Amino acid sequence: MPKAARISRSIPVSSASEDKESDSSQLVTVALFSGIGLLISLVAVILGIQGVWF
């Protein structure tokens, strides 16, 4: 009968404050990217630029 080998790896544990900082940093990046895209789209609509959408 074959025997299965168990391989375990230790996972480093980070503090909760580091996770929150990382999450908020990613949220800020996404918010900035979305805001810039929204601003560009709004300006294009207001100025009546038509060739951009197709």
N, C-alpha and C. Protein backbone atom coordinates (compact mmCIF):
# COMPACT_ATOMS: atom_id res chain seq x y z
N MET A 1 0.85 -1.17 0.00
CA MET A 1 0.00 0.00 0.00
C MET A 1 0.91 1.25 0.00
N PRO A 2 0.68 2.21 -0.95
CA PRO A 2 1.54 3.40 -1.01
C PRO A 2 1.25 4.36 0.16
N LYS A 3 2.29 5.01 0.59
CA LYS A 3 2.15 5.98 1.67
C LYS A 3 2.22 7.38 1.09
N ALA A 4 1.36 8.26 1.58
CA ALA A 4 1.34 9.65 1.13
C ALA A 4 2.29 10.47 1.99
N ALA A 5 3.02 11.34 1.33
CA ALA A 5 3.93 12.23 2.06
C ALA A 5 3.20 13.53 2.37
N ARG A 6 3.36 13.98 3.58
CA ARG A 6 2.77 15.26 3.96
C ARG A 6 3.86 16.32 3.95
N ILE A 7 3.61 17.35 3.18
CA ILE A 7 4.55 18.45 3.10
C ILE A 7 3.83 19.69 3.62
N SER A 8 4.39 20.26 4.66
CA SER A 8 3.76 21.46 5.22
C SER A 8 4.72 22.63 5.06
N ARG A 9 4.13 23.77 4.83
CA ARG A 9 4.90 24.99 4.66
C ARG A 9 4.44 26.01 5.69
N SER A 10 5.37 26.72 6.26
CA SER A 10 4.96 27.75 7.21
C SER A 10 4.60 29.01 6.43
N ILE A 11 3.48 29.59 6.80
CA ILE A 11 3.00 30.79 6.13
C ILE A 11 3.26 31.97 7.06
N PRO A 12 3.99 32.98 6.56
CA PRO A 12 4.26 34.13 7.43
C PRO A 12 2.97 34.88 7.76
N VAL A 13 2.85 35.24 9.00
CA VAL A 13 1.66 35.94 9.46
C VAL A 13 1.97 37.43 9.54
N SER A 14 1.15 38.22 8.86
CA SER A 14 1.35 39.67 8.91
C SER A 14 0.30 40.28 9.83
N SER A 15 0.60 41.44 10.31
CA SER A 15 -0.34 42.09 11.22
C SER A 15 -1.52 42.65 10.45
N ALA A 16 -2.61 42.88 11.14
CA ALA A 16 -3.84 43.37 10.51
C ALA A 16 -3.66 44.79 9.99
N SER A 17 -2.84 45.60 10.64
CA SER A 17 -2.66 46.98 10.19
C SER A 17 -1.96 47.03 8.84
N GLU A 18 -1.02 46.12 8.58
CA GLU A 18 -0.35 46.08 7.28
C GLU A 18 -1.33 45.70 6.18
N ASP A 19 -2.24 44.78 6.47
CA ASP A 19 -3.23 44.37 5.49
C ASP A 19 -4.17 45.53 5.15
N LYS A 20 -4.57 46.28 6.16
CA LYS A 20 -5.46 47.42 5.93
C LYS A 20 -4.78 48.49 5.10
N GLU A 21 -3.50 48.75 5.37
CA GLU A 21 -2.75 49.74 4.61
C GLU A 21 -2.63 49.30 3.16
N SER A 22 -2.39 48.03 2.93
CA SER A 22 -2.27 47.51 1.58
C SER A 22 -3.60 47.62 0.85
N ASP A 23 -4.69 47.29 1.53
CA ASP A 23 -6.02 47.37 0.92
C ASP A 23 -6.37 48.81 0.58
N SER A 24 -6.08 49.74 1.47
CA SER A 24 -6.41 51.14 1.19
C SER A 24 -5.54 51.70 0.08
N SER A 25 -4.30 51.23 -0.01
CA SER A 25 -3.42 51.67 -1.09
C SER A 25 -3.96 51.21 -2.44
N GLN A 26 -4.42 49.98 -2.50
CA GLN A 26 -4.99 49.46 -3.74
C GLN A 26 -6.29 50.19 -4.07
N LEU A 27 -7.08 50.52 -3.07
CA LEU A 27 -8.33 51.24 -3.30
C LEU A 27 -8.06 52.64 -3.85
N VAL A 28 -7.05 53.31 -3.33
CA VAL A 28 -6.69 54.64 -3.81
C VAL A 28 -6.25 54.57 -5.27
N THR A 29 -5.48 53.56 -5.62
CA THR A 29 -5.02 53.40 -7.00
C THR A 29 -6.19 53.19 -7.94
N VAL A 30 -7.10 52.33 -7.58
CA VAL A 30 -8.27 52.06 -8.42
C VAL A 30 -9.16 53.30 -8.52
N ALA A 31 -9.34 54.00 -7.42
CA ALA A 31 -10.17 55.20 -7.42
C ALA A 31 -9.57 56.29 -8.32
N LEU A 32 -8.27 56.48 -8.26
CA LEU A 32 -7.62 57.47 -9.11
C LEU A 32 -7.75 57.11 -10.59
N PHE A 33 -7.50 55.85 -10.91
CA PHE A 33 -7.60 55.39 -12.29
C PHE A 33 -9.02 55.58 -12.81
N SER A 34 -10.01 55.22 -12.02
CA SER A 34 -11.41 55.36 -12.43
C SER A 34 -11.80 56.83 -12.56
N GLY A 35 -11.35 57.64 -11.63
CA GLY A 35 -11.66 59.07 -11.68
C GLY A 35 -11.08 59.76 -12.89
N ILE A 36 -9.85 59.41 -13.25
CA ILE A 36 -9.22 60.00 -14.43
C ILE A 36 -9.97 59.58 -15.69
N GLY A 37 -10.34 58.31 -15.79
CA GLY A 37 -11.10 57.84 -16.93
C GLY A 37 -12.46 58.52 -17.03
N LEU A 38 -13.12 58.69 -15.91
CA LEU A 38 -14.41 59.37 -15.89
C LEU A 38 -14.27 60.82 -16.32
N LEU A 39 -13.24 61.49 -15.85
CA LEU A 39 -13.01 62.88 -16.21
C LEU A 39 -12.74 63.02 -17.71
N ILE A 40 -11.93 62.15 -18.27
CA ILE A 40 -11.65 62.18 -19.71
C ILE A 40 -12.92 61.95 -20.51
N SER A 41 -13.73 60.98 -20.08
CA SER A 41 -14.99 60.70 -20.77
C SER A 41 -15.94 61.88 -20.69
N LEU A 42 -16.01 62.52 -19.55
CA LEU A 42 -16.90 63.67 -19.37
C LEU A 42 -16.47 64.84 -20.26
N VAL A 43 -15.19 65.11 -20.32
CA VAL A 43 -14.68 66.18 -21.17
C VAL A 43 -14.96 65.87 -22.63
N ALA A 44 -14.78 64.62 -23.05
CA ALA A 44 -15.04 64.24 -24.44
C ALA A 44 -16.51 64.42 -24.78
N VAL A 45 -17.41 64.08 -23.87
CA VAL A 45 -18.85 64.23 -24.12
C VAL A 45 -19.22 65.72 -24.17
N ILE A 46 -18.70 66.50 -23.26
CA ILE A 46 -19.01 67.92 -23.22
C ILE A 46 -18.51 68.64 -24.48
N LEU A 47 -17.32 68.28 -24.95
CA LEU A 47 -16.76 68.93 -26.14
C LEU A 47 -17.34 68.36 -27.44
N GLY A 48 -18.09 67.29 -27.35
CA GLY A 48 -18.73 66.73 -28.53
C GLY A 48 -17.79 65.95 -29.43
N ILE A 49 -16.75 65.38 -28.88
CA ILE A 49 -15.81 64.58 -29.68
C ILE A 49 -16.49 63.26 -30.04
N GLN A 50 -16.57 62.98 -31.36
CA GLN A 50 -17.34 61.81 -31.79
C GLN A 50 -16.48 60.65 -32.27
N GLY A 51 -15.33 60.89 -32.81
CA GLY A 51 -14.51 59.83 -33.38
C GLY A 51 -13.88 58.91 -32.35
N VAL A 52 -13.90 59.29 -31.11
CA VAL A 52 -13.22 58.54 -30.07
C VAL A 52 -13.97 57.26 -29.71
N TRP A 53 -15.27 57.25 -29.82
CA TRP A 53 -16.08 56.16 -29.29
C TRP A 53 -16.13 54.94 -30.19
N PHE A 54 -15.74 55.07 -31.46
CA PHE A 54 -15.87 53.95 -32.39
C PHE A 54 -14.54 53.52 -32.94
